[in-house]
N, C-alpha and C. Protein backbone atom coordinates (compact mmCIF):
# COMPACT_ATOMS: atom_id res chain seq x y z
N UNK A 1 11.46 -14.82 21.57
CA UNK A 1 11.69 -13.43 22.00
C UNK A 1 10.81 -12.42 21.04
N UNK A 2 11.11 -12.89 19.71
CA UNK A 2 10.48 -12.05 18.55
C UNK A 2 8.91 -11.88 18.78
N UNK A 3 8.29 -13.03 19.05
CA UNK A 3 6.91 -13.02 19.30
C UNK A 3 6.54 -12.10 20.38
N UNK A 4 7.19 -12.05 21.66
CA UNK A 4 6.83 -11.31 22.79
C UNK A 4 6.69 -9.69 22.38
N UNK A 5 7.91 -9.31 21.68
CA UNK A 5 8.00 -8.26 21.20
C UNK A 5 7.05 -7.74 20.34
N UNK A 6 6.60 -8.68 19.28
CA UNK A 6 5.47 -8.30 18.45
C UNK A 6 3.96 -8.03 19.27
N UNK A 7 3.87 -9.13 20.09
CA UNK A 7 2.75 -8.95 20.82
C UNK A 7 2.42 -7.75 21.80
N UNK A 8 3.74 -7.31 22.12
CA UNK A 8 4.01 -6.15 23.15
C UNK A 8 3.31 -4.62 22.22
N UNK A 9 4.11 -4.61 21.21
CA UNK A 9 3.74 -3.70 20.04
C UNK A 9 2.52 -3.56 19.63
N UNK A 10 1.89 -4.58 19.18
CA UNK A 10 0.35 -4.68 18.86
C UNK A 10 -0.42 -4.24 19.97
N UNK A 11 -0.18 -4.81 21.13
CA UNK A 11 -0.85 -4.49 22.37
C UNK A 11 -0.75 -2.68 22.61
N UNK A 12 0.45 -2.35 22.72
CA UNK A 12 0.80 -0.91 22.95
C UNK A 12 0.25 -0.02 21.77
N UNK A 13 0.50 -0.28 20.41
CA UNK A 13 0.03 0.77 19.77
C UNK A 13 -1.00 0.34 18.65
N UNK A 14 -1.73 -0.60 19.04
CA UNK A 14 -2.63 -1.24 18.35
C UNK A 14 -2.52 -1.34 16.71
N UNK A 15 -1.33 -1.77 16.45
CA UNK A 15 -0.97 -2.18 14.93
C UNK A 15 -1.81 -3.27 14.34
N UNK A 16 -2.42 -3.03 13.11
CA UNK A 16 -3.01 -4.13 12.42
C UNK A 16 -1.84 -5.13 12.01
N UNK A 17 -2.44 -6.35 11.76
CA UNK A 17 -1.44 -7.61 11.66
C UNK A 17 -0.83 -7.43 10.27
N UNK A 18 -1.31 -6.67 9.40
CA UNK A 18 -0.38 -6.35 8.20
C UNK A 18 0.81 -5.37 8.34
N UNK A 19 0.84 -4.62 9.41
CA UNK A 19 2.06 -3.71 9.50
C UNK A 19 3.08 -4.32 10.47
N UNK A 20 3.00 -5.57 11.19
CA UNK A 20 4.14 -6.06 11.49
C UNK A 20 4.46 -7.56 11.24
N UNK A 21 5.55 -7.95 11.27
CA UNK A 21 5.77 -9.48 10.66
C UNK A 21 6.93 -9.73 11.17
N UNK A 22 7.14 -11.16 11.05
CA UNK A 22 8.68 -11.70 11.54
C UNK A 22 9.15 -12.46 10.38
N UNK A 23 9.68 -12.12 9.16
CA UNK A 23 10.32 -12.76 8.08
C UNK A 23 10.90 -14.00 8.16
N UNK A 24 11.69 -13.98 9.44
CA UNK A 24 12.61 -15.06 9.71
C UNK A 24 12.93 -14.95 11.36
N UNK A 25 13.81 -15.91 11.48
CA UNK A 25 14.07 -15.89 13.14
C UNK A 25 15.14 -14.93 13.23
N UNK A 26 14.63 -13.96 14.54
CA UNK A 26 15.54 -12.75 14.87
C UNK A 26 15.46 -11.63 14.05
N UNK A 27 14.24 -11.52 13.42
CA UNK A 27 13.85 -10.36 12.28
C UNK A 27 12.43 -9.96 12.40
N UNK A 28 12.29 -8.64 12.58
CA UNK A 28 11.11 -7.98 12.76
C UNK A 28 11.08 -6.99 11.79
N UNK A 29 9.98 -6.91 10.85
CA UNK A 29 9.48 -5.66 10.30
C UNK A 29 8.42 -5.11 10.71
N UNK A 30 8.27 -3.62 10.78
CA UNK A 30 7.28 -2.86 11.15
C UNK A 30 7.20 -1.65 10.33
N UNK A 31 5.84 -1.28 9.99
CA UNK A 31 5.64 -0.05 9.24
C UNK A 31 4.79 0.68 10.13
N UNK A 32 5.17 2.00 10.40
CA UNK A 32 4.26 3.03 11.27
C UNK A 32 4.33 4.25 10.54
N UNK A 33 3.01 4.98 10.75
CA UNK A 33 2.74 6.11 10.34
C UNK A 33 3.93 6.91 11.20
N UNK A 34 4.22 8.30 10.43
CA UNK A 34 5.32 9.12 11.08
C UNK A 34 4.96 9.61 12.39
N UNK A 35 3.43 9.75 12.53
CA UNK A 35 3.06 10.40 14.16
C UNK A 35 3.28 9.41 14.99
N UNK A 36 3.43 8.11 14.63
CA UNK A 36 3.77 7.01 15.81
C UNK A 36 5.19 6.88 15.94
N UNK A 37 6.19 7.34 15.16
CA UNK A 37 7.24 6.86 14.74
C UNK A 37 8.26 6.98 16.21
N UNK A 38 8.33 8.25 16.57
CA UNK A 38 8.99 8.61 17.85
C UNK A 38 8.58 7.62 19.14
N UNK A 39 7.45 7.51 19.14
CA UNK A 39 6.79 6.81 20.40
C UNK A 39 7.20 5.32 20.27
N UNK A 40 7.09 4.81 19.00
CA UNK A 40 7.43 3.34 19.15
C UNK A 40 9.02 3.18 19.04
N UNK A 41 9.69 4.32 18.51
CA UNK A 41 11.35 4.29 18.83
C UNK A 41 11.59 4.35 20.42
N UNK A 42 11.04 5.14 20.94
CA UNK A 42 11.20 5.27 22.42
C UNK A 42 10.63 3.91 23.30
N UNK A 43 9.66 3.29 22.66
CA UNK A 43 9.16 2.23 23.32
C UNK A 43 10.08 1.11 23.34
N UNK A 44 10.59 0.80 21.96
CA UNK A 44 11.49 -0.27 21.76
C UNK A 44 12.83 -0.11 22.56
N UNK A 45 13.41 1.14 22.74
CA UNK A 45 14.64 1.32 23.49
C UNK A 45 14.49 1.12 24.64
N UNK A 46 13.40 1.53 25.24
CA UNK A 46 13.20 1.36 26.70
C UNK A 46 12.80 -0.09 27.16
N UNK A 47 11.81 -0.54 26.54
CA UNK A 47 11.28 -1.67 26.97
C UNK A 47 11.83 -2.93 26.48
N UNK A 48 12.75 -2.79 25.31
CA UNK A 48 13.22 -3.94 24.71
C UNK A 48 14.85 -3.75 24.54
N UNK A 49 15.21 -2.57 24.95
CA UNK A 49 16.53 -2.39 24.79
C UNK A 49 17.37 -2.74 23.41
N UNK A 50 16.70 -1.76 22.36
CA UNK A 50 17.07 -1.70 20.95
C UNK A 50 17.78 -0.40 21.05
N UNK A 51 19.03 -0.31 21.25
CA UNK A 51 19.86 0.74 21.48
C UNK A 51 20.76 0.95 20.32
N UNK A 52 21.05 0.14 19.37
CA UNK A 52 22.14 0.39 18.25
C UNK A 52 21.21 0.58 17.01
N UNK A 53 21.72 1.65 16.57
CA UNK A 53 21.07 2.02 15.20
C UNK A 53 22.15 1.50 14.09
N UNK A 54 21.86 0.46 13.34
CA UNK A 54 22.70 -0.19 12.11
C UNK A 54 22.75 0.94 11.21
N UNK A 55 21.75 1.22 10.52
CA UNK A 55 21.86 2.34 9.22
C UNK A 55 20.27 2.68 9.09
N UNK A 56 20.31 3.75 8.20
CA UNK A 56 18.88 3.96 7.70
C UNK A 56 18.84 3.88 6.25
N UNK A 57 17.87 3.14 5.79
CA UNK A 57 17.74 2.81 4.09
C UNK A 57 16.60 3.79 3.71
N UNK A 58 17.03 4.52 2.40
CA UNK A 58 15.85 5.33 1.91
C UNK A 58 15.77 4.43 0.47
N UNK A 59 14.26 4.81 0.49
CA UNK A 59 13.54 4.27 -0.99
C UNK A 59 12.64 4.94 -1.39
N UNK A 60 12.86 4.98 -2.83
CA UNK A 60 11.69 5.76 -3.65
C UNK A 60 10.61 5.04 -4.11
N UNK A 61 9.52 4.95 -3.57
CA UNK A 61 8.27 4.18 -4.07
C UNK A 61 7.33 4.90 -4.57
N UNK A 62 7.77 5.64 -5.56
CA UNK A 62 6.90 6.05 -6.56
C UNK A 62 6.30 7.53 -5.92
N UNK A 63 5.14 7.46 -5.46
CA UNK A 63 4.56 9.03 -4.71
C UNK A 63 5.12 9.07 -3.43
N UNK A 64 5.67 8.13 -2.77
CA UNK A 64 6.05 8.25 -1.38
C UNK A 64 7.82 8.17 -1.42
N UNK A 65 8.31 8.55 -0.45
CA UNK A 65 9.85 7.98 0.21
C UNK A 65 9.68 7.50 1.20
N UNK A 66 10.26 6.49 1.43
CA UNK A 66 10.32 5.40 2.76
C UNK A 66 11.58 5.41 3.12
N UNK A 67 11.52 5.21 4.45
CA UNK A 67 12.91 5.31 5.12
C UNK A 67 12.74 4.18 6.32
N UNK A 68 13.75 3.28 6.26
CA UNK A 68 13.68 2.13 7.17
C UNK A 68 14.95 2.25 7.78
N UNK A 69 14.54 2.29 9.36
CA UNK A 69 15.41 2.64 10.39
C UNK A 69 15.62 0.97 11.07
N UNK A 70 16.92 0.45 10.78
CA UNK A 70 17.36 -0.74 11.46
C UNK A 70 18.27 -0.83 12.80
N UNK A 71 17.45 -1.09 13.86
CA UNK A 71 17.86 -1.24 15.03
C UNK A 71 18.15 -2.79 15.52
N UNK A 72 19.23 -2.72 16.34
CA UNK A 72 19.40 -4.20 16.89
C UNK A 72 19.71 -4.08 18.46
N UNK A 73 19.42 -5.17 19.00
CA UNK A 73 19.60 -5.26 20.70
C UNK A 73 20.47 -6.48 20.86
N UNK A 74 21.20 -6.44 21.70
CA UNK A 74 22.14 -7.72 22.22
C UNK A 74 21.06 -8.73 22.16
N UNK A 75 21.95 -9.87 21.61
CA UNK A 75 21.18 -10.99 21.28
C UNK A 75 20.89 -11.45 19.90
N UNK A 76 21.27 -10.20 19.16
CA UNK A 76 21.28 -10.42 17.49
C UNK A 76 19.64 -10.14 16.98
N UNK A 77 18.78 -9.65 17.89
CA UNK A 77 17.57 -9.52 17.12
C UNK A 77 17.38 -8.18 16.36
N UNK A 78 17.18 -8.27 15.42
CA UNK A 78 16.97 -6.98 14.19
C UNK A 78 15.76 -6.59 14.11
N UNK A 79 15.02 -5.07 14.15
CA UNK A 79 13.97 -4.72 14.11
C UNK A 79 13.90 -3.64 12.69
N UNK A 80 13.33 -3.62 11.75
CA UNK A 80 13.36 -2.61 10.72
C UNK A 80 11.78 -1.83 10.83
N UNK A 81 12.05 -0.64 11.10
CA UNK A 81 11.03 0.42 11.24
C UNK A 81 10.80 1.24 10.13
N UNK A 82 9.76 0.88 9.33
CA UNK A 82 9.48 1.64 8.07
C UNK A 82 8.58 2.67 8.22
N UNK A 83 8.86 4.03 7.82
CA UNK A 83 8.13 5.17 7.77
C UNK A 83 7.92 5.73 6.27
N UNK A 84 6.84 6.19 5.74
CA UNK A 84 6.67 6.76 4.53
C UNK A 84 6.08 8.20 4.68
N UNK A 85 6.51 8.88 3.60
CA UNK A 85 6.09 10.15 3.75
C UNK A 85 5.99 10.62 1.97
N UNK A 86 5.10 11.52 1.80
CA UNK A 86 4.88 12.04 0.59
C UNK A 86 6.05 12.61 -0.42
N UNK A 87 6.53 12.18 -1.45
CA UNK A 87 7.60 12.51 -2.31
C UNK A 87 7.74 14.13 -2.20
N UNK A 88 6.39 14.61 -2.49
CA UNK A 88 6.28 16.11 -2.61
C UNK A 88 6.78 16.87 -1.61
N UNK A 89 6.71 16.31 -0.21
CA UNK A 89 7.14 17.08 1.01
C UNK A 89 7.61 15.91 1.86
N UNK A 90 8.91 15.64 1.71
CA UNK A 90 9.63 14.53 2.63
C UNK A 90 10.19 14.82 3.87
N UNK A 91 9.29 15.17 4.69
CA UNK A 91 9.68 15.79 6.05
C UNK A 91 9.69 14.68 7.37
N UNK A 92 10.81 14.48 7.84
CA UNK A 92 11.09 13.46 8.79
C UNK A 92 11.85 14.32 10.05
N UNK A 93 11.53 13.54 11.16
CA UNK A 93 12.22 14.36 12.43
C UNK A 93 13.68 13.31 12.49
N UNK A 94 14.58 14.11 12.88
CA UNK A 94 15.95 13.58 13.13
C UNK A 94 15.73 12.87 14.42
N UNK A 95 16.63 11.68 14.18
CA UNK A 95 16.76 10.89 15.64
C UNK A 95 18.27 10.95 16.14
N UNK A 96 18.92 11.84 15.84
CA UNK A 96 20.17 12.19 16.61
C UNK A 96 20.21 12.32 18.27
N UNK A 97 19.00 13.02 18.70
CA UNK A 97 18.77 12.91 20.19
C UNK A 97 18.79 11.28 20.69
N UNK A 98 18.69 10.46 19.79
CA UNK A 98 18.34 9.06 20.35
C UNK A 98 19.76 8.29 20.11
N UNK A 99 20.22 8.86 18.75
CA UNK A 99 21.37 8.01 18.24
C UNK A 99 22.48 9.14 17.35
N UNK A 100 23.47 9.37 18.28
CA UNK A 100 24.08 10.54 17.76
C UNK A 100 24.86 10.10 16.37
N UNK A 101 25.12 8.77 16.17
CA UNK A 101 25.57 8.32 14.88
C UNK A 101 24.72 8.46 13.54
N UNK A 102 23.50 8.91 14.04
CA UNK A 102 22.34 8.94 12.76
C UNK A 102 22.69 10.05 11.77
N UNK A 103 23.62 10.93 12.35
CA UNK A 103 23.68 12.21 11.50
C UNK A 103 24.48 12.03 9.96
N UNK A 104 25.22 11.14 10.03
CA UNK A 104 25.68 10.55 8.65
C UNK A 104 24.70 10.13 7.91
N UNK A 105 23.84 9.30 8.46
CA UNK A 105 22.70 8.61 7.67
C UNK A 105 21.77 9.66 6.88
N UNK A 106 21.40 10.33 7.94
CA UNK A 106 20.71 11.50 7.72
C UNK A 106 20.78 12.38 6.71
N UNK A 107 22.03 12.78 6.72
CA UNK A 107 22.81 13.42 5.75
C UNK A 107 22.52 12.95 4.30
N UNK A 108 22.67 11.60 4.13
CA UNK A 108 22.75 10.74 3.05
C UNK A 108 21.28 10.90 2.32
N UNK A 109 20.23 10.83 3.29
CA UNK A 109 18.90 10.88 2.92
C UNK A 109 18.62 12.39 2.39
N UNK A 110 19.09 13.27 2.83
CA UNK A 110 19.02 14.46 2.35
C UNK A 110 19.54 14.67 0.95
N UNK A 111 20.81 14.20 1.11
CA UNK A 111 21.64 14.40 -0.59
C UNK A 111 21.12 13.65 -1.62
N UNK A 112 20.79 12.39 -1.29
CA UNK A 112 20.39 11.29 -2.19
C UNK A 112 18.71 11.43 -2.50
N UNK A 113 18.07 11.75 -1.56
CA UNK A 113 16.59 11.40 -1.62
C UNK A 113 15.93 12.92 -1.52
N UNK A 114 16.66 13.86 -1.22
CA UNK A 114 15.53 15.04 -0.89
C UNK A 114 14.95 15.14 0.52
N UNK A 115 15.10 14.36 1.28
CA UNK A 115 14.38 14.38 2.54
C UNK A 115 14.93 15.83 3.22
N UNK A 116 13.70 16.24 3.92
CA UNK A 116 13.90 17.20 4.73
C UNK A 116 13.83 16.61 5.96
N UNK A 117 14.97 16.80 7.10
CA UNK A 117 15.40 16.27 8.37
C UNK A 117 15.12 17.42 9.29
N UNK A 118 14.19 17.31 9.93
CA UNK A 118 14.09 18.67 11.02
C UNK A 118 14.94 17.87 12.23
N UNK A 119 15.65 18.99 12.46
CA UNK A 119 16.52 18.63 13.83
C UNK A 119 17.79 18.33 13.49
N UNK A 120 18.07 18.11 12.05
CA UNK A 120 19.70 17.77 11.58
C UNK A 120 20.38 19.06 11.67
N UNK A 121 21.53 19.29 12.28
CA UNK A 121 22.40 20.32 12.61
C UNK A 121 23.01 20.67 11.15
N UNK A 122 23.33 22.30 10.87
CA UNK A 122 23.90 22.47 9.41
C UNK A 122 25.15 21.74 9.50
N UNK A 123 25.79 21.59 8.30
CA UNK A 123 26.82 20.83 8.31
C UNK A 123 27.38 20.75 7.03
N UNK A 124 28.46 19.98 6.51
CA UNK A 124 28.90 19.55 5.28
C UNK A 124 27.83 18.72 4.68
N UNK A 125 27.66 18.67 3.50
CA UNK A 125 27.00 17.75 2.69
C UNK A 125 27.65 16.48 2.68
N UNK A 126 26.72 15.31 2.59
CA UNK A 126 27.20 13.76 2.25
C UNK A 126 26.26 12.92 1.55
N UNK A 127 26.69 12.37 0.80
CA UNK A 127 28.14 11.92 0.22
C UNK A 127 28.45 12.94 -0.87
N UNK A 128 27.34 13.60 -1.57
CA UNK A 128 27.64 14.59 -2.77
C UNK A 128 28.53 15.66 -2.36
N UNK A 129 29.28 16.07 -3.38
CA UNK A 129 30.30 17.21 -3.24
C UNK A 129 29.59 18.58 -2.94
N UNK A 130 29.85 19.52 -2.55
CA UNK A 130 29.18 20.79 -2.18
C UNK A 130 28.86 21.40 -3.42
N UNK A 131 29.27 21.28 -4.57
CA UNK A 131 28.92 21.82 -5.79
C UNK A 131 27.95 20.96 -6.72
N UNK A 132 27.56 19.95 -5.92
CA UNK A 132 26.32 19.05 -6.51
C UNK A 132 25.04 20.18 -6.83
N UNK A 133 24.44 20.00 -7.96
CA UNK A 133 23.07 20.87 -8.29
C UNK A 133 22.15 20.77 -7.29
N UNK A 134 21.52 22.05 -6.82
CA UNK A 134 20.38 21.91 -6.04
C UNK A 134 19.23 21.15 -6.77
N UNK A 135 18.70 20.27 -5.90
CA UNK A 135 17.33 20.07 -6.59
C UNK A 135 17.62 18.42 -7.32
N UNK A 136 18.88 18.03 -7.26
CA UNK A 136 19.24 16.78 -7.94
C UNK A 136 19.44 15.73 -6.83
N UNK A 137 18.42 14.60 -7.04
CA UNK A 137 18.55 13.84 -6.11
C UNK A 137 18.78 12.14 -6.66
N UNK A 138 19.93 11.90 -6.79
CA UNK A 138 20.36 10.82 -7.58
C UNK A 138 19.65 9.21 -7.25
N UNK A 139 19.01 9.09 -6.04
CA UNK A 139 18.44 7.93 -6.00
C UNK A 139 17.07 7.96 -5.82
N UNK A 140 16.53 8.94 -6.45
CA UNK A 140 15.05 9.03 -6.87
C UNK A 140 15.00 8.45 -8.22
N UNK A 141 13.66 7.73 -8.01
CA UNK A 141 13.67 6.84 -9.39
C UNK A 141 13.57 7.76 -10.58
N UNK A 142 13.05 9.07 -10.75
CA UNK A 142 12.66 9.75 -11.68
C UNK A 142 14.02 10.59 -12.04
N UNK A 143 15.01 10.46 -11.31
CA UNK A 143 16.13 11.25 -11.75
C UNK A 143 17.03 10.35 -12.62
N UNK A 144 17.57 11.41 -13.77
CA UNK A 144 18.34 10.52 -14.81
C UNK A 144 19.89 11.36 -15.23
N UNK A 145 20.65 10.86 -15.58
CA UNK A 145 21.97 11.41 -15.36
C UNK A 145 21.74 12.70 -16.47
N UNK A 146 21.22 12.46 -17.57
CA UNK A 146 21.24 13.95 -18.44
C UNK A 146 20.34 15.11 -17.62
N UNK A 147 19.79 14.78 -16.56
CA UNK A 147 19.33 16.09 -15.90
C UNK A 147 20.56 16.81 -15.19
N UNK A 148 21.39 16.04 -14.87
CA UNK A 148 22.88 16.42 -14.19
C UNK A 148 23.42 17.25 -15.47
N UNK A 149 23.65 16.57 -16.65
CA UNK A 149 24.51 16.75 -17.92
C UNK A 149 23.81 18.24 -18.13
N UNK A 150 22.31 18.36 -18.36
CA UNK A 150 21.63 19.68 -18.87
C UNK A 150 21.91 20.90 -17.66
N UNK A 151 22.00 20.59 -16.47
CA UNK A 151 22.27 21.28 -15.59
C UNK A 151 23.52 22.07 -15.71
N UNK A 152 24.68 21.15 -15.88
CA UNK A 152 26.03 21.69 -16.25
C UNK A 152 26.04 22.41 -17.48
N UNK A 153 25.28 22.05 -18.38
CA UNK A 153 25.52 22.85 -19.70
C UNK A 153 24.87 24.45 -19.23
N UNK A 154 23.72 24.30 -18.70
CA UNK A 154 23.29 25.77 -18.47
C UNK A 154 24.18 26.51 -17.47
N UNK A 155 25.01 26.21 -16.72
CA UNK A 155 25.73 26.73 -16.04
C UNK A 155 27.14 27.10 -16.59
N UNK A 156 27.24 26.52 -17.99
CA UNK A 156 28.38 26.69 -18.58
C UNK A 156 28.69 28.08 -19.22
């Protein structure tokens, strides 16, 4: 089944061989450009019934922030779809229209990485407290605890 999914994705989206792989049985990893992400997501849902969002993982990869969307389908096949955006302008689109439960994961990306999620409704912060200093993103590699301590000292 995994080979069928991979072949169909390559055929439909003309992915280079290096952007899609099967690291082991029942696992597929795919890297897509932000411009194709929604189309790929819709295709996987419609044609292969990937209808369960497990989580979204954020990564600081130096110049870019990357986000991995972990989707499963009945039968235990997992696909990881990775998109990358420049760290200086980390804008992604919300997937709440597809997965209502994505809201909590997207709030984590905002709080912890500084992502800007277009379409994310206004609401409470998560997981950081409402008084967490603006511009402080603790899962970015360049963030240090002393940045928070300095900010606290300035506000004292």
